[in-house]
């Protein structure tokens, strides 16, 4: 399980993420939706270990991995699929998800 416990992120004195508690179960597919500048990418970066929360913690399988280097976290991939616009956007998201579930990586444009 991947958990954010009161995780917050401040940049330049402004909150990008207010204190947030989230839990993601293994084997589930979760989707972050929101308008531009709502914090989706900041949240993903915290979960992936690319950024460190200003306060709070990130736990993986009950272990606090907040300050741990990404290479030592033993965390499964946290994939990100950016919003795809146009009439074909939903189809591309579904194809990317199918590839992820089958263990393939393929850049489709």
PDB file of N, CA and C in Angstrom:
ATOM      1  N   UNK A   1       0.846  -1.168   0.000  1.00  0.00           N
ATOM      2  CA  UNK A   1       0.000   0.000   0.000  1.00  0.00           C
ATOM      3  C   UNK A   1       0.897   1.238   0.000  1.00  0.00           C
ATOM      4  N   UNK A   2       0.530   2.221  -0.791  1.00  0.00           N
ATOM      5  CA  UNK A   2       1.217   3.509  -0.839  1.00  0.00           C
ATOM      6  C   UNK A   2       0.345   4.516  -0.107  1.00  0.00           C
ATOM      7  N   UNK A   3       0.916   5.183   0.890  1.00  0.00           N
ATOM      8  CA  UNK A   3       0.138   6.124   1.696  1.00  0.00           C
ATOM      9  C   UNK A   3       0.833   7.476   1.793  1.00  0.00           C
ATOM     10  N   UNK A   4       0.038   8.510   1.753  1.00  0.00           N
ATOM     11  CA  UNK A   4       0.491   9.854   2.092  1.00  0.00           C
ATOM     12  C   UNK A   4      -0.147  10.176   3.429  1.00  0.00           C
ATOM     13  N   UNK A   5       0.669  10.548   4.404  1.00  0.00           N
ATOM     14  CA  UNK A   5       0.175  10.859   5.737  1.00  0.00           C
ATOM     15  C   UNK A   5       0.471  12.314   6.055  1.00  0.00           C
ATOM     16  N   UNK A   6      -0.568  13.128   6.017  1.00  0.00           N
ATOM     17  CA  UNK A   6      -0.447  14.576   6.251  1.00  0.00           C
ATOM     18  C   UNK A   6       0.645  15.198   5.389  1.00  0.00           C
ATOM     19  N   UNK A   7       0.818  14.684   4.185  1.00  0.00           N
ATOM     20  CA  UNK A   7       1.858  15.179   3.288  1.00  0.00           C
ATOM     21  C   UNK A   7       1.454  16.526   2.701  1.00  0.00           C
ATOM     22  N   UNK A   8       2.348  17.479   2.798  1.00  0.00           N
ATOM     23  CA  UNK A   8       2.133  18.815   2.240  1.00  0.00           C
ATOM     24  C   UNK A   8       3.394  19.225   1.491  1.00  0.00           C
ATOM     25  N   UNK A   9       3.221  20.092   0.505  1.00  0.00           N
ATOM     26  CA  UNK A   9       4.359  20.579  -0.276  1.00  0.00           C
ATOM     27  C   UNK A   9       4.222  22.078  -0.484  1.00  0.00           C
ATOM     28  N   UNK A  10       5.224  22.811   0.004  1.00  0.00           N
ATOM     29  CA  UNK A  10       5.262  24.256  -0.201  1.00  0.00           C
ATOM     30  C   UNK A  10       6.405  24.573  -1.156  1.00  0.00           C
ATOM     31  N   UNK A  11       6.165  25.508  -2.046  1.00  0.00           N
ATOM     32  CA  UNK A  11       7.188  25.982  -2.975  1.00  0.00           C
ATOM     33  C   UNK A  11       7.121  27.502  -2.974  1.00  0.00           C
ATOM     34  N   UNK A  12       8.216  28.132  -2.640  1.00  0.00           N
ATOM     35  CA  UNK A  12       8.254  29.594  -2.621  1.00  0.00           C
ATOM     36  C   UNK A  12       7.220  30.213  -1.703  1.00  0.00           C
ATOM     37  N   UNK A  13       6.949  29.571  -0.562  1.00  0.00           N
ATOM     38  CA  UNK A  13       5.991  30.109   0.396  1.00  0.00           C
ATOM     39  C   UNK A  13       4.535  29.842   0.055  1.00  0.00           C
ATOM     40  N   UNK A  14       4.277  29.150  -1.042  1.00  0.00           N
ATOM     41  CA  UNK A  14       2.896  28.819  -1.427  1.00  0.00           C
ATOM     42  C   UNK A  14       2.699  27.315  -1.382  1.00  0.00           C
ATOM     43  N   UNK A  15       1.527  26.907  -0.894  1.00  0.00           N
ATOM     44  CA  UNK A  15       1.213  25.491  -0.871  1.00  0.00           C
ATOM     45  C   UNK A  15       0.871  24.997  -2.273  1.00  0.00           C
ATOM     46  N   UNK A  16       1.588  23.974  -2.713  1.00  0.00           N
ATOM     47  CA  UNK A  16       1.203  23.261  -3.931  1.00  0.00           C
ATOM     48  C   UNK A  16       0.282  22.115  -3.551  1.00  0.00           C
ATOM     49  N   UNK A  17       0.535  21.521  -2.370  1.00  0.00           N
ATOM     50  CA  UNK A  17      -0.318  20.476  -1.811  1.00  0.00           C
ATOM     51  C   UNK A  17      -0.524  20.801  -0.337  1.00  0.00           C
ATOM     52  N   UNK A  18      -1.771  20.966   0.079  1.00  0.00           N
ATOM     53  CA  UNK A  18      -2.079  21.129   1.499  1.00  0.00           C
ATOM     54  C   UNK A  18      -2.020  19.753   2.151  1.00  0.00           C
ATOM     55  N   UNK A  19      -1.922  19.703   3.472  1.00  0.00           N
ATOM     56  CA  UNK A  19      -1.814  18.427   4.194  1.00  0.00           C
ATOM     57  C   UNK A  19      -2.855  17.444   3.672  1.00  0.00           C
ATOM     58  N   UNK A  20      -2.371  16.319   3.153  1.00  0.00           N
ATOM     59  CA  UNK A  20      -3.220  15.347   2.464  1.00  0.00           C
ATOM     60  C   UNK A  20      -2.974  13.949   3.005  1.00  0.00           C
ATOM     61  N   UNK A  21      -4.060  13.214   3.201  1.00  0.00           N
ATOM     62  CA  UNK A  21      -3.999  11.804   3.578  1.00  0.00           C
ATOM     63  C   UNK A  21      -4.640  10.998   2.458  1.00  0.00           C
ATOM     64  N   UNK A  22      -3.861  10.096   1.877  1.00  0.00           N
ATOM     65  CA  UNK A  22      -4.359   9.223   0.813  1.00  0.00           C
ATOM     66  C   UNK A  22      -3.777   7.835   1.002  1.00  0.00           C
ATOM     67  N   UNK A  23      -4.526   6.832   0.574  1.00  0.00           N
ATOM     68  CA  UNK A  23      -4.017   5.457   0.608  1.00  0.00           C
ATOM     69  C   UNK A  23      -4.398   4.781  -0.701  1.00  0.00           C
ATOM     70  N   UNK A  24      -3.412   4.135  -1.323  1.00  0.00           N
ATOM     71  CA  UNK A  24      -3.614   3.435  -2.582  1.00  0.00           C
ATOM     72  C   UNK A  24      -3.306   1.958  -2.360  1.00  0.00           C
ATOM     73  N   UNK A  25      -4.288   1.102  -2.565  1.00  0.00           N
ATOM     74  CA  UNK A  25      -4.117  -0.339  -2.365  1.00  0.00           C
ATOM     75  C   UNK A  25      -3.366  -0.959  -3.543  1.00  0.00           C
ATOM     76  N   UNK A  26      -2.604  -2.006  -3.263  1.00  0.00           N
ATOM     77  CA  UNK A  26      -1.908  -2.730  -4.325  1.00  0.00           C
ATOM     78  C   UNK A  26      -2.920  -3.338  -5.287  1.00  0.00           C
ATOM     79  N   UNK A  27      -2.554  -3.344  -6.554  1.00  0.00           N
ATOM     80  CA  UNK A  27      -3.396  -3.977  -7.568  1.00  0.00           C
ATOM     81  C   UNK A  27      -4.577  -3.147  -8.016  1.00  0.00           C
ATOM     82  N   UNK A  28      -4.653  -1.904  -7.583  1.00  0.00           N
ATOM     83  CA  UNK A  28      -5.769  -1.056  -8.006  1.00  0.00           C
ATOM     84  C   UNK A  28      -5.283  -0.014  -9.000  1.00  0.00           C
ATOM     85  N   UNK A  29      -6.191   0.480  -9.779  1.00  0.00           N
ATOM     86  CA  UNK A  29      -5.919   1.558 -10.719  1.00  0.00           C
ATOM     87  C   UNK A  29      -6.585   2.804 -10.164  1.00  0.00           C
ATOM     88  N   UNK A  30      -5.802   3.854  -9.964  1.00  0.00           N
ATOM     89  CA  UNK A  30      -6.307   5.111  -9.414  1.00  0.00           C
ATOM     90  C   UNK A  30      -6.056   6.229 -10.407  1.00  0.00           C
ATOM     91  N   UNK A  31      -6.972   7.154 -10.482  1.00  0.00           N
ATOM     92  CA  UNK A  31      -6.876   8.241 -11.446  1.00  0.00           C
ATOM     93  C   UNK A  31      -6.958   9.568 -10.705  1.00  0.00           C
ATOM     94  N   UNK A  32      -6.049  10.478 -11.010  1.00  0.00           N
ATOM     95  CA  UNK A  32      -6.091  11.835 -10.475  1.00  0.00           C
ATOM     96  C   UNK A  32      -6.623  12.749 -11.560  1.00  0.00           C
ATOM     97  N   UNK A  33      -7.717  13.388 -11.268  1.00  0.00           N
ATOM     98  CA  UNK A  33      -8.312  14.329 -12.209  1.00  0.00           C
ATOM     99  C   UNK A  33      -8.420  15.692 -11.550  1.00  0.00           C
ATOM    100  N   UNK A  34      -8.268  16.730 -12.331  1.00  0.00           N
ATOM    101  CA  UNK A  34      -8.427  18.074 -11.814  1.00  0.00           C
ATOM    102  C   UNK A  34      -7.979  19.083 -12.838  1.00  0.00           C
ATOM    103  N   UNK A  35      -8.353  20.328 -12.596  1.00  0.00           N
ATOM    104  CA  UNK A  35      -7.979  21.385 -13.542  1.00  0.00           C
ATOM    105  C   UNK A  35      -6.484  21.681 -13.491  1.00  0.00           C
ATOM    106  N   UNK A  36      -6.015  22.407 -14.466  1.00  0.00           N
ATOM    107  CA  UNK A  36      -4.636  22.836 -14.523  1.00  0.00           C
ATOM    108  C   UNK A  36      -4.268  23.554 -13.227  1.00  0.00           C
ATOM    109  N   UNK A  37      -3.084  23.277 -12.721  1.00  0.00           N
ATOM    110  CA  UNK A  37      -2.524  23.872 -11.500  1.00  0.00           C
ATOM    111  C   UNK A  37      -3.266  23.471 -10.223  1.00  0.00           C
ATOM    112  N   UNK A  38      -3.928  22.308 -10.244  1.00  0.00           N
ATOM    113  CA  UNK A  38      -4.620  21.853  -9.037  1.00  0.00           C
ATOM    114  C   UNK A  38      -3.736  20.966  -8.170  1.00  0.00           C
ATOM    115  N   UNK A  39      -2.536  20.606  -8.637  1.00  0.00           N
ATOM    116  CA  UNK A  39      -1.594  19.852  -7.818  1.00  0.00           C
ATOM    117  C   UNK A  39      -1.419  18.397  -8.207  1.00  0.00           C
ATOM    118  N   UNK A  40      -1.969  17.986  -9.340  1.00  0.00           N
ATOM    119  CA  UNK A  40      -1.866  16.570  -9.759  1.00  0.00           C
ATOM    120  C   UNK A  40      -0.414  16.145  -9.923  1.00  0.00           C
ATOM    121  N   UNK A  41       0.365  16.909 -10.639  1.00  0.00           N
ATOM    122  CA  UNK A  41       1.760  16.555 -10.881  1.00  0.00           C
ATOM    123  C   UNK A  41       2.560  16.630  -9.589  1.00  0.00           C
ATOM    124  N   UNK A  42       2.327  17.622  -8.766  1.00  0.00           N
ATOM    125  CA  UNK A  42       3.025  17.731  -7.482  1.00  0.00           C
ATOM    126  C   UNK A  42       2.737  16.514  -6.620  1.00  0.00           C
ATOM    127  N   UNK A  43       1.509  16.065  -6.605  1.00  0.00           N
ATOM    128  CA  UNK A  43       1.133  14.883  -5.839  1.00  0.00           C
ATOM    129  C   UNK A  43       1.820  13.630  -6.375  1.00  0.00           C
ATOM    130  N   UNK A  44       1.849  13.483  -7.684  1.00  0.00           N
ATOM    131  CA  UNK A  44       2.510  12.332  -8.305  1.00  0.00           C
ATOM    132  C   UNK A  44       4.013  12.335  -7.989  1.00  0.00           C
ATOM    133  N   UNK A  45       4.631  13.502  -8.004  1.00  0.00           N
ATOM    134  CA  UNK A  45       6.060  13.599  -7.715  1.00  0.00           C
ATOM    135  C   UNK A  45       6.355  13.196  -6.270  1.00  0.00           C
ATOM    136  N   UNK A  46       5.460  13.533  -5.344  1.00  0.00           N
ATOM    137  CA  UNK A  46       5.624  13.103  -3.954  1.00  0.00           C
ATOM    138  C   UNK A  46       5.519  11.584  -3.853  1.00  0.00           C
ATOM    139  N   UNK A  47       4.514  11.013  -4.517  1.00  0.00           N
ATOM    140  CA  UNK A  47       4.300   9.568  -4.453  1.00  0.00           C
ATOM    141  C   UNK A  47       5.460   8.800  -5.081  1.00  0.00           C
ATOM    142  N   UNK A  48       6.019   9.329  -6.156  1.00  0.00           N
ATOM    143  CA  UNK A  48       7.099   8.652  -6.866  1.00  0.00           C
ATOM    144  C   UNK A  48       8.455   8.847  -6.189  1.00  0.00           C
ATOM    145  N   UNK A  49       8.534   9.768  -5.232  1.00  0.00           N
ATOM    146  CA  UNK A  49       9.800  10.024  -4.550  1.00  0.00           C
ATOM    147  C   UNK A  49      10.691  11.010  -5.267  1.00  0.00           C
ATOM    148  N   UNK A  50      10.159  11.687  -6.270  1.00  0.00           N
ATOM    149  CA  UNK A  50      10.949  12.679  -6.999  1.00  0.00           C
ATOM    150  C   UNK A  50      11.049  13.983  -6.221  1.00  0.00           C
ATOM    151  N   UNK A  51      10.075  14.252  -5.359  1.00  0.00           N
ATOM    152  CA  UNK A  51      10.080  15.407  -4.467  1.00  0.00           C
ATOM    153  C   UNK A  51       9.825  14.911  -3.050  1.00  0.00           C
ATOM    154  N   UNK A  52      10.271  15.691  -2.099  1.00  0.00           N
ATOM    155  CA  UNK A  52      10.057  15.358  -0.692  1.00  0.00           C
ATOM    156  C   UNK A  52       9.000  16.307  -0.132  1.00  0.00           C
ATOM    157  N   UNK A  53       8.051  15.789   0.644  1.00  0.00           N
ATOM    158  CA  UNK A  53       7.051  16.698   1.210  1.00  0.00           C
ATOM    159  C   UNK A  53       7.692  17.679   2.194  1.00  0.00           C
ATOM    160  N   UNK A  54       7.141  18.886   2.255  1.00  0.00           N
ATOM    161  CA  UNK A  54       7.608  19.877   3.216  1.00  0.00           C
ATOM    162  C   UNK A  54       7.278  19.415   4.627  1.00  0.00           C
ATOM    163  N   UNK A  55       6.142  18.760   4.775  1.00  0.00           N
ATOM    164  CA  UNK A  55       5.755  18.156   6.050  1.00  0.00           C
ATOM    165  C   UNK A  55       4.971  16.892   5.748  1.00  0.00           C
ATOM    166  N   UNK A  56       4.843  16.036   6.752  1.00  0.00           N
ATOM    167  CA  UNK A  56       4.147  14.772   6.557  1.00  0.00           C
ATOM    168  C   UNK A  56       5.089  13.703   6.039  1.00  0.00           C
ATOM    169  N   UNK A  57       4.513  12.575   5.623  1.00  0.00           N
ATOM    170  CA  UNK A  57       5.330  11.432   5.239  1.00  0.00           C
ATOM    171  C   UNK A  57       4.689  10.625   4.124  1.00  0.00           C
ATOM    172  N   UNK A  58       5.541   9.859   3.437  1.00  0.00           N
ATOM    173  CA  UNK A  58       5.104   8.908   2.418  1.00  0.00           C
ATOM    174  C   UNK A  58       5.501   7.521   2.926  1.00  0.00           C
ATOM    175  N   UNK A  59       4.539   6.613   2.970  1.00  0.00           N
ATOM    176  CA  UNK A  59       4.793   5.248   3.444  1.00  0.00           C
ATOM    177  C   UNK A  59       4.497   4.261   2.332  1.00  0.00           C
ATOM    178  N   UNK A  60       5.328   3.223   2.252  1.00  0.00           N
ATOM    179  CA  UNK A  60       5.096   2.136   1.316  1.00  0.00           C
ATOM    180  C   UNK A  60       5.156   0.840   2.095  1.00  0.00           C
ATOM    181  N   UNK A  61       4.076   0.089   2.061  1.00  0.00           N
ATOM    182  CA  UNK A  61       3.958  -1.158   2.827  1.00  0.00           C
ATOM    183  C   UNK A  61       4.333  -0.953   4.288  1.00  0.00           C
ATOM    184  N   UNK A  62       3.884   0.163   4.860  1.00  0.00           N
ATOM    185  CA  UNK A  62       4.101   0.443   6.271  1.00  0.00           C
ATOM    186  C   UNK A  62       5.451   1.036   6.613  1.00  0.00           C
ATOM    187  N   UNK A  63       6.340   1.170   5.639  1.00  0.00           N
ATOM    188  CA  UNK A  63       7.684   1.714   5.880  1.00  0.00           C
ATOM    189  C   UNK A  63       7.714   3.176   5.425  1.00  0.00           C
ATOM    190  N   UNK A  64       8.232   4.052   6.285  1.00  0.00           N
ATOM    191  CA  UNK A  64       8.375   5.463   5.932  1.00  0.00           C
ATOM    192  C   UNK A  64       9.504   5.591   4.925  1.00  0.00           C
ATOM    193  N   UNK A  65       9.163   5.967   3.676  1.00  0.00           N
ATOM    194  CA  UNK A  65      10.157   6.109   2.608  1.00  0.00           C
ATOM    195  C   UNK A  65      10.358   7.573   2.227  1.00  0.00           C
ATOM    196  N   UNK A  66       9.933   8.479   3.109  1.00  0.00           N
ATOM    197  CA  UNK A  66       9.944   9.904   2.795  1.00  0.00           C
ATOM    198  C   UNK A  66      11.296  10.422   2.347  1.00  0.00           C
ATOM    199  N   UNK A  67      12.353  10.151   3.080  1.00  0.00           N
ATOM    200  CA  UNK A  67      13.669  10.675   2.721  1.00  0.00           C
ATOM    201  C   UNK A  67      14.554   9.678   2.008  1.00  0.00           C
ATOM    202  N   UNK A  68      14.012   8.517   1.732  1.00  0.00           N
ATOM    203  CA  UNK A  68      14.796   7.444   1.119  1.00  0.00           C
ATOM    204  C   UNK A  68      15.036   7.735  -0.369  1.00  0.00           C
ATOM    205  N   UNK A  69      16.267   7.491  -0.848  1.00  0.00           N
ATOM    206  CA  UNK A  69      16.518   7.668  -2.283  1.00  0.00           C
ATOM    207  C   UNK A  69      15.595   6.761  -3.107  1.00  0.00           C
ATOM    208  N   UNK A  70      15.197   7.233  -4.259  1.00  0.00           N
ATOM    209  CA  UNK A  70      14.266   6.502  -5.120  1.00  0.00           C
ATOM    210  C   UNK A  70      14.768   5.085  -5.389  1.00  0.00           C
ATOM    211  N   UNK A  71      16.062   4.925  -5.613  1.00  0.00           N
ATOM    212  CA  UNK A  71      16.616   3.619  -5.956  1.00  0.00           C
ATOM    213  C   UNK A  71      16.465   2.606  -4.819  1.00  0.00           C
ATOM    214  N   UNK A  72      16.341   3.052  -3.581  1.00  0.00           N
ATOM    215  CA  UNK A  72      16.260   2.146  -2.434  1.00  0.00           C
ATOM    216  C   UNK A  72      14.834   1.942  -1.927  1.00  0.00           C
ATOM    217  N   UNK A  73      13.864   2.567  -2.541  1.00  0.00           N
ATOM    218  CA  UNK A  73      12.501   2.533  -2.030  1.00  0.00           C
ATOM    219  C   UNK A  73      11.780   1.215  -2.235  1.00  0.00           C
ATOM    220  N   UNK A  74      12.142   0.451  -3.241  1.00  0.00           N
ATOM    221  CA  UNK A  74      11.447  -0.796  -3.557  1.00  0.00           C
ATOM    222  C   UNK A  74       9.951  -0.544  -3.775  1.00  0.00           C
ATOM    223  N   UNK A  75       9.652   0.562  -4.418  1.00  0.00           N
ATOM    224  CA  UNK A  75       8.265   0.932  -4.711  1.00  0.00           C
ATOM    225  C   UNK A  75       7.986   0.609  -6.168  1.00  0.00           C
ATOM    226  N   UNK A  76       6.849  -0.006  -6.412  1.00  0.00           N
ATOM    227  CA  UNK A  76       6.450  -0.288  -7.788  1.00  0.00           C
ATOM    228  C   UNK A  76       6.301   1.022  -8.550  1.00  0.00           C
ATOM    229  N   UNK A  77       6.405   0.954  -9.840  1.00  0.00           N
ATOM    230  CA  UNK A  77       6.310   2.132 -10.693  1.00  0.00           C
ATOM    231  C   UNK A  77       5.026   2.917 -10.435  1.00  0.00           C
ATOM    232  N   UNK A  78       5.151   4.221 -10.359  1.00  0.00           N
ATOM    233  CA  UNK A  78       3.996   5.116 -10.255  1.00  0.00           C
ATOM    234  C   UNK A  78       3.864   5.777 -11.616  1.00  0.00           C
ATOM    235  N   UNK A  79       3.064   5.184 -12.511  1.00  0.00           N
ATOM    236  CA  UNK A  79       2.989   5.720 -13.877  1.00  0.00           C
ATOM    237  C   UNK A  79       2.161   7.002 -13.949  1.00  0.00           C
ATOM    238  N   UNK A  80       2.495   7.833 -14.892  1.00  0.00           N
ATOM    239  CA  UNK A  80       1.730   9.049 -15.146  1.00  0.00           C
ATOM    240  C   UNK A  80       1.424   9.123 -16.628  1.00  0.00           C
ATOM    241  N   UNK A  81       0.179   9.322 -16.940  1.00  0.00           N
ATOM    242  CA  UNK A  81      -0.243   9.524 -18.316  1.00  0.00           C
ATOM    243  C   UNK A  81      -0.846  10.919 -18.374  1.00  0.00           C
ATOM    244  N   UNK A  82      -0.217  11.780 -19.120  1.00  0.00           N
ATOM    245  CA  UNK A  82      -0.691  13.152 -19.191  1.00  0.00           C
ATOM    246  C   UNK A  82      -1.984  13.243 -19.991  1.00  0.00           C
ATOM    247  N   UNK A  83      -2.730  14.300 -19.693  1.00  0.00           N
ATOM    248  CA  UNK A  83      -4.005  14.499 -20.361  1.00  0.00           C
ATOM    249  C   UNK A  83      -3.786  14.584 -21.864  1.00  0.00           C
ATOM    250  N   UNK A  84      -4.564  13.821 -22.586  1.00  0.00           N
ATOM    251  CA  UNK A  84      -4.488  13.830 -24.039  1.00  0.00           C
ATOM    252  C   UNK A  84      -5.764  14.445 -24.577  1.00  0.00           C
ATOM    253  N   UNK A  85      -5.622  15.484 -25.318  1.00  0.00           N
ATOM    254  CA  UNK A  85      -6.805  16.183 -25.816  1.00  0.00           C
ATOM    255  C   UNK A  85      -7.211  15.642 -27.188  1.00  0.00           C
ATOM    256  N   UNK A  86      -8.288  16.131 -27.659  1.00  0.00           N
ATOM    257  CA  UNK A  86      -8.768  15.756 -28.982  1.00  0.00           C
ATOM    258  C   UNK A  86      -9.704  14.566 -28.937  1.00  0.00           C
ATOM    259  N   UNK A  87     -10.304  14.248 -30.071  1.00  0.00           N
ATOM    260  CA  UNK A  87     -11.301  13.185 -30.110  1.00  0.00           C
ATOM    261  C   UNK A  87     -10.730  11.798 -29.842  1.00  0.00           C
ATOM    262  N   UNK A  88      -9.417  11.641 -29.966  1.00  0.00           N
ATOM    263  CA  UNK A  88      -8.789  10.336 -29.794  1.00  0.00           C
ATOM    264  C   UNK A  88      -8.160  10.162 -28.412  1.00  0.00           C
ATOM    265  N   UNK A  89      -8.271  11.176 -27.532  1.00  0.00           N
ATOM    266  CA  UNK A  89      -7.605  11.160 -26.229  1.00  0.00           C
ATOM    267  C   UNK A  89      -7.994   9.994 -25.347  1.00  0.00           C
ATOM    268  N   UNK A  90      -9.270   9.685 -25.213  1.00  0.00           N
ATOM    269  CA  UNK A  90      -9.729   8.604 -24.345  1.00  0.00           C
ATOM    270  C   UNK A  90      -9.207   7.262 -24.840  1.00  0.00           C
ATOM    271  N   UNK A  91      -9.227   7.039 -26.144  1.00  0.00           N
ATOM    272  CA  UNK A  91      -8.724   5.785 -26.716  1.00  0.00           C
ATOM    273  C   UNK A  91      -7.243   5.613 -26.387  1.00  0.00           C
ATOM    274  N   UNK A  92      -6.461   6.682 -26.497  1.00  0.00           N
ATOM    275  CA  UNK A  92      -5.034   6.599 -26.203  1.00  0.00           C
ATOM    276  C   UNK A  92      -4.795   6.270 -24.723  1.00  0.00           C
ATOM    277  N   UNK A  93      -5.600   6.850 -23.830  1.00  0.00           N
ATOM    278  CA  UNK A  93      -5.474   6.539 -22.407  1.00  0.00           C
ATOM    279  C   UNK A  93      -5.773   5.065 -22.160  1.00  0.00           C
ATOM    280  N   UNK A  94      -6.798   4.541 -22.790  1.00  0.00           N
ATOM    281  CA  UNK A  94      -7.153   3.142 -22.604  1.00  0.00           C
ATOM    282  C   UNK A  94      -6.057   2.217 -23.133  1.00  0.00           C
ATOM    283  N   UNK A  95      -5.463   2.563 -24.268  1.00  0.00           N
ATOM    284  CA  UNK A  95      -4.376   1.761 -24.815  1.00  0.00           C
ATOM    285  C   UNK A  95      -3.158   1.786 -23.892  1.00  0.00           C
ATOM    286  N   UNK A  96      -2.850   2.963 -23.349  1.00  0.00           N
ATOM    287  CA  UNK A  96      -1.711   3.084 -22.428  1.00  0.00           C
ATOM    288  C   UNK A  96      -1.964   2.254 -21.176  1.00  0.00           C
ATOM    289  N   UNK A  97      -3.187   2.276 -20.661  1.00  0.00           N
ATOM    290  CA  UNK A  97      -3.525   1.488 -19.480  1.00  0.00           C
ATOM    291  C   UNK A  97      -3.419  -0.003 -19.773  1.00  0.00           C
ATOM    292  N   UNK A  98      -3.883  -0.432 -20.913  1.00  0.00           N
ATOM    293  CA  UNK A  98      -3.810  -1.848 -21.287  1.00  0.00           C
ATOM    294  C   UNK A  98      -2.356  -2.288 -21.378  1.00  0.00           C
ATOM    295  N   UNK A  99      -1.513  -1.459 -21.979  1.00  0.00           N
ATOM    296  CA  UNK A  99      -0.087  -1.785 -22.078  1.00  0.00           C
ATOM    297  C   UNK A  99       0.552  -1.871 -20.695  1.00  0.00           C
ATOM    298  N   UNK A 100       0.194  -0.943 -19.800  1.00  0.00           N
ATOM    299  CA  UNK A 100       0.744  -0.947 -18.446  1.00  0.00           C
ATOM    300  C   UNK A 100       0.370  -2.236 -17.725  1.00  0.00           C
ATOM    301  N   UNK A 101      -0.885  -2.628 -17.829  1.00  0.00           N
ATOM    302  CA  UNK A 101      -1.349  -3.836 -17.146  1.00  0.00           C
ATOM    303  C   UNK A 101      -0.684  -5.095 -17.711  1.00  0.00           C
ATOM    304  N   UNK A 102      -0.291  -5.054 -18.975  1.00  0.00           N
ATOM    305  CA  UNK A 102       0.367  -6.211 -19.601  1.00  0.00           C
ATOM    306  C   UNK A 102       1.888  -6.141 -19.467  1.00  0.00           C
ATOM    307  N   UNK A 103       2.394  -5.050 -18.859  1.00  0.00           N
ATOM    308  CA  UNK A 103       3.834  -4.938 -18.656  1.00  0.00           C
ATOM    309  C   UNK A 103       4.587  -4.404 -19.854  1.00  0.00           C
ATOM    310  N   UNK A 104       3.888  -3.774 -20.798  1.00  0.00           N
ATOM    311  CA  UNK A 104       4.551  -3.206 -21.974  1.00  0.00           C
ATOM    312  C   UNK A 104       4.702  -1.717 -21.833  1.00  0.00           C
ATOM    313  N   UNK A 105       5.677  -1.188 -22.519  1.00  0.00           N
ATOM    314  CA  UNK A 105       5.830   0.257 -22.603  1.00  0.00           C
ATOM    315  C   UNK A 105       5.907   0.602 -24.075  1.00  0.00           C
ATOM    316  N   UNK A 106       4.991   1.464 -24.501  1.00  0.00           N
ATOM    317  CA  UNK A 106       4.911   1.813 -25.910  1.00  0.00           C
ATOM    318  C   UNK A 106       4.430   3.242 -26.008  1.00  0.00           C
ATOM    319  N   UNK A 107       5.203   4.115 -26.630  1.00  0.00           N
ATOM    320  CA  UNK A 107       4.783   5.502 -26.808  1.00  0.00           C
ATOM    321  C   UNK A 107       3.899   5.601 -28.017  1.00  0.00           C
ATOM    322  N   UNK A 108       2.635   5.826 -27.782  1.00  0.00           N
ATOM    323  CA  UNK A 108       1.691   5.996 -28.902  1.00  0.00           C
ATOM    324  C   UNK A 108       1.302   7.449 -28.987  1.00  0.00           C
ATOM    325  N   UNK A 109       1.328   7.974 -30.184  1.00  0.00           N
ATOM    326  CA  UNK A 109       0.925   9.370 -30.341  1.00  0.00           C
ATOM    327  C   UNK A 109      -0.064   9.522 -31.446  1.00  0.00           C
TER     328      UNK A 109
END
